[in-house]
C-alpha atoms as a PDB file:
ATOM      1  CA  UNK A   1      18.404   3.164  -5.516  1.00  0.00           C
ATOM      2  CA  UNK A   2      15.946   0.298  -5.365  1.00  0.00           C
ATOM      3  CA  UNK A   3      12.645  -0.135  -3.475  1.00  0.00           C
ATOM      4  CA  UNK A   4      12.678   0.687   0.247  1.00  0.00           C
ATOM      5  CA  UNK A   5      10.918  -0.812   3.014  1.00  0.00           C
ATOM      6  CA  UNK A   6       8.346   1.184   4.892  1.00  0.00           C
ATOM      7  CA  UNK A   7      10.711   1.642   7.872  1.00  0.00           C
ATOM      8  CA  UNK A   8      13.593   2.556   5.577  1.00  0.00           C
ATOM      9  CA  UNK A   9      11.429   5.139   3.810  1.00  0.00           C
ATOM     10  CA  UNK A  10      10.239   6.558   7.086  1.00  0.00           C
ATOM     11  CA  UNK A  11      13.871   6.997   8.390  1.00  0.00           C
ATOM     12  CA  UNK A  12      14.915   8.537   4.970  1.00  0.00           C
ATOM     13  CA  UNK A  13      12.536  11.466   5.255  1.00  0.00           C
ATOM     14  CA  UNK A  14      13.514  14.865   6.335  1.00  0.00           C
ATOM     15  CA  UNK A  15      12.768  15.058   9.184  1.00  0.00           C
ATOM     16  CA  UNK A  16      12.340  11.236   9.736  1.00  0.00           C
ATOM     17  CA  UNK A  17       8.574  10.183   9.890  1.00  0.00           C
ATOM     18  CA  UNK A  18       7.191   8.539  12.951  1.00  0.00           C
ATOM     19  CA  UNK A  19       5.427   5.222  12.650  1.00  0.00           C
ATOM     20  CA  UNK A  20       2.547   6.916  14.595  1.00  0.00           C
ATOM     21  CA  UNK A  21       2.202   9.852  11.843  1.00  0.00           C
ATOM     22  CA  UNK A  22       2.439   7.317   9.036  1.00  0.00           C
ATOM     23  CA  UNK A  23      -0.286   5.174  10.672  1.00  0.00           C
ATOM     24  CA  UNK A  24      -2.525   8.172  11.137  1.00  0.00           C
ATOM     25  CA  UNK A  25      -2.118   9.103   7.461  1.00  0.00           C
ATOM     26  CA  UNK A  26      -3.055   5.629   6.268  1.00  0.00           C
ATOM     27  CA  UNK A  27      -5.799   5.566   8.886  1.00  0.00           C
ATOM     28  CA  UNK A  28      -4.532   2.229  10.523  1.00  0.00           C
ATOM     29  CA  UNK A  29      -3.443   1.517  14.041  1.00  0.00           C
ATOM     30  CA  UNK A  30       0.253   1.925  15.118  1.00  0.00           C
ATOM     31  CA  UNK A  31       0.480  -1.738  16.182  1.00  0.00           C
ATOM     32  CA  UNK A  32      -0.766  -2.717  12.716  1.00  0.00           C
ATOM     33  CA  UNK A  33       1.879  -0.574  10.929  1.00  0.00           C
ATOM     34  CA  UNK A  34       4.523  -2.012  13.461  1.00  0.00           C
ATOM     35  CA  UNK A  35       3.423  -5.511  12.315  1.00  0.00           C
ATOM     36  CA  UNK A  36       3.868  -4.549   8.610  1.00  0.00           C
ATOM     37  CA  UNK A  37       7.401  -3.227   9.376  1.00  0.00           C
ATOM     38  CA  UNK A  38       8.358  -6.331  11.261  1.00  0.00           C
ATOM     39  CA  UNK A  39       7.105  -8.382   8.509  1.00  0.00           C
ATOM     40  CA  UNK A  40       4.549 -10.468  10.637  1.00  0.00           C
ATOM     41  CA  UNK A  41       1.658  -9.035   8.625  1.00  0.00           C
ATOM     42  CA  UNK A  42       1.125  -7.375   5.382  1.00  0.00           C
ATOM     43  CA  UNK A  43      -1.353  -4.798   4.160  1.00  0.00           C
ATOM     44  CA  UNK A  44      -4.063  -5.785   1.824  1.00  0.00           C
ATOM     45  CA  UNK A  45      -3.840  -4.745  -1.788  1.00  0.00           C
ATOM     46  CA  UNK A  46      -5.796  -1.464  -1.187  1.00  0.00           C
ATOM     47  CA  UNK A  47      -3.662  -0.394   1.821  1.00  0.00           C
ATOM     48  CA  UNK A  48      -0.454  -1.476  -0.166  1.00  0.00           C
ATOM     49  CA  UNK A  49      -1.386   0.850  -3.039  1.00  0.00           C
ATOM     50  CA  UNK A  50      -1.988   3.778  -0.424  1.00  0.00           C
ATOM     51  CA  UNK A  51       1.615   3.059   1.120  1.00  0.00           C
ATOM     52  CA  UNK A  52       2.971   3.224  -2.654  1.00  0.00           C
ATOM     53  CA  UNK A  53       0.967   6.372  -3.172  1.00  0.00           C
ATOM     54  CA  UNK A  54       2.066   8.036   0.105  1.00  0.00           C
ATOM     55  CA  UNK A  55       5.695   7.152  -0.515  1.00  0.00           C
ATOM     56  CA  UNK A  56       5.553   8.421  -4.051  1.00  0.00           C
ATOM     57  CA  UNK A  57       6.565   4.907  -5.180  1.00  0.00           C
ATOM     58  CA  UNK A  58       9.561   4.418  -2.984  1.00  0.00           C
ATOM     59  CA  UNK A  59       7.777   1.449  -1.400  1.00  0.00           C
ATOM     60  CA  UNK A  60       6.001  -0.220  -4.124  1.00  0.00           C
ATOM     61  CA  UNK A  61       3.081  -2.831  -4.000  1.00  0.00           C
ATOM     62  CA  UNK A  62       5.737  -5.476  -4.864  1.00  0.00           C
ATOM     63  CA  UNK A  63       7.250  -4.813  -1.589  1.00  0.00           C
ATOM     64  CA  UNK A  64       4.539  -6.682   0.058  1.00  0.00           C
ATOM     65  CA  UNK A  65       4.409  -9.789  -2.449  1.00  0.00           C
ATOM     66  CA  UNK A  66       1.707  -8.271  -4.862  1.00  0.00           C
ATOM     67  CA  UNK A  67       2.354  -8.134  -8.480  1.00  0.00           C
ATOM     68  CA  UNK A  68       1.409  -5.488 -10.933  1.00  0.00           C
ATOM     69  CA  UNK A  69      -0.390  -8.110 -12.921  1.00  0.00           C
ATOM     70  CA  UNK A  70      -2.602  -8.923  -9.891  1.00  0.00           C
ATOM     71  CA  UNK A  71      -3.504  -5.123  -9.574  1.00  0.00           C
ATOM     72  CA  UNK A  72      -4.375  -5.003 -13.370  1.00  0.00           C
ATOM     73  CA  UNK A  73      -6.566  -8.261 -13.026  1.00  0.00           C
ATOM     74  CA  UNK A  74      -8.272  -6.613 -10.117  1.00  0.00           C
ATOM     75  CA  UNK A  75      -8.754  -3.462 -11.935  1.00  0.00           C
ATOM     76  CA  UNK A  76     -10.295  -5.253 -14.966  1.00  0.00           C
ATOM     77  CA  UNK A  77     -12.700  -7.170 -12.644  1.00  0.00           C
ATOM     78  CA  UNK A  78     -14.022  -3.950 -11.060  1.00  0.00           C
ATOM     79  CA  UNK A  79     -14.262  -2.269 -14.491  1.00  0.00           C
ATOM     80  CA  UNK A  80     -16.335  -5.230 -15.709  1.00  0.00           C
ATOM     81  CA  UNK A  81     -18.465  -5.100 -12.579  1.00  0.00           C
ATOM     82  CA  UNK A  82     -18.982  -1.442 -13.037  1.00  0.00           C
ATOM     83  CA  UNK A  83     -19.999  -1.976 -16.607  1.00  0.00           C
ATOM     84  CA  UNK A  84     -22.422  -4.424 -15.783  1.00  0.00           C
ATOM     85  CA  UNK A  85     -24.042  -2.260 -13.142  1.00  0.00           C
ATOM     86  CA  UNK A  86     -24.330   0.653 -15.544  1.00  0.00           C
ATOM     87  CA  UNK A  87     -26.001  -1.438 -18.102  1.00  0.00           C
ATOM     88  CA  UNK A  88     -28.529  -3.162 -15.573  1.00  0.00           C
ATOM     89  CA  UNK A  89     -27.205  -6.644 -16.240  1.00  0.00           C
END
């Protein structure tokens, strides 16, 4: 089976997960989660990664239009920044 949308993932859970319970777990409003599911908004990269983690990869970051390459570029930028901070540069 391929990647699922967040709504499909919720419905596939036993018992099905409510939008409210998922929103609470992600620490976002119910209305924001609803907008993600309707496609009128998408989560930022950090929240998209949290959705992927919550769903054990069933709703990957690519669902929202982000790429693994973008995530790796961001990871590298953060690591470089952390290295600079550690060396006092």
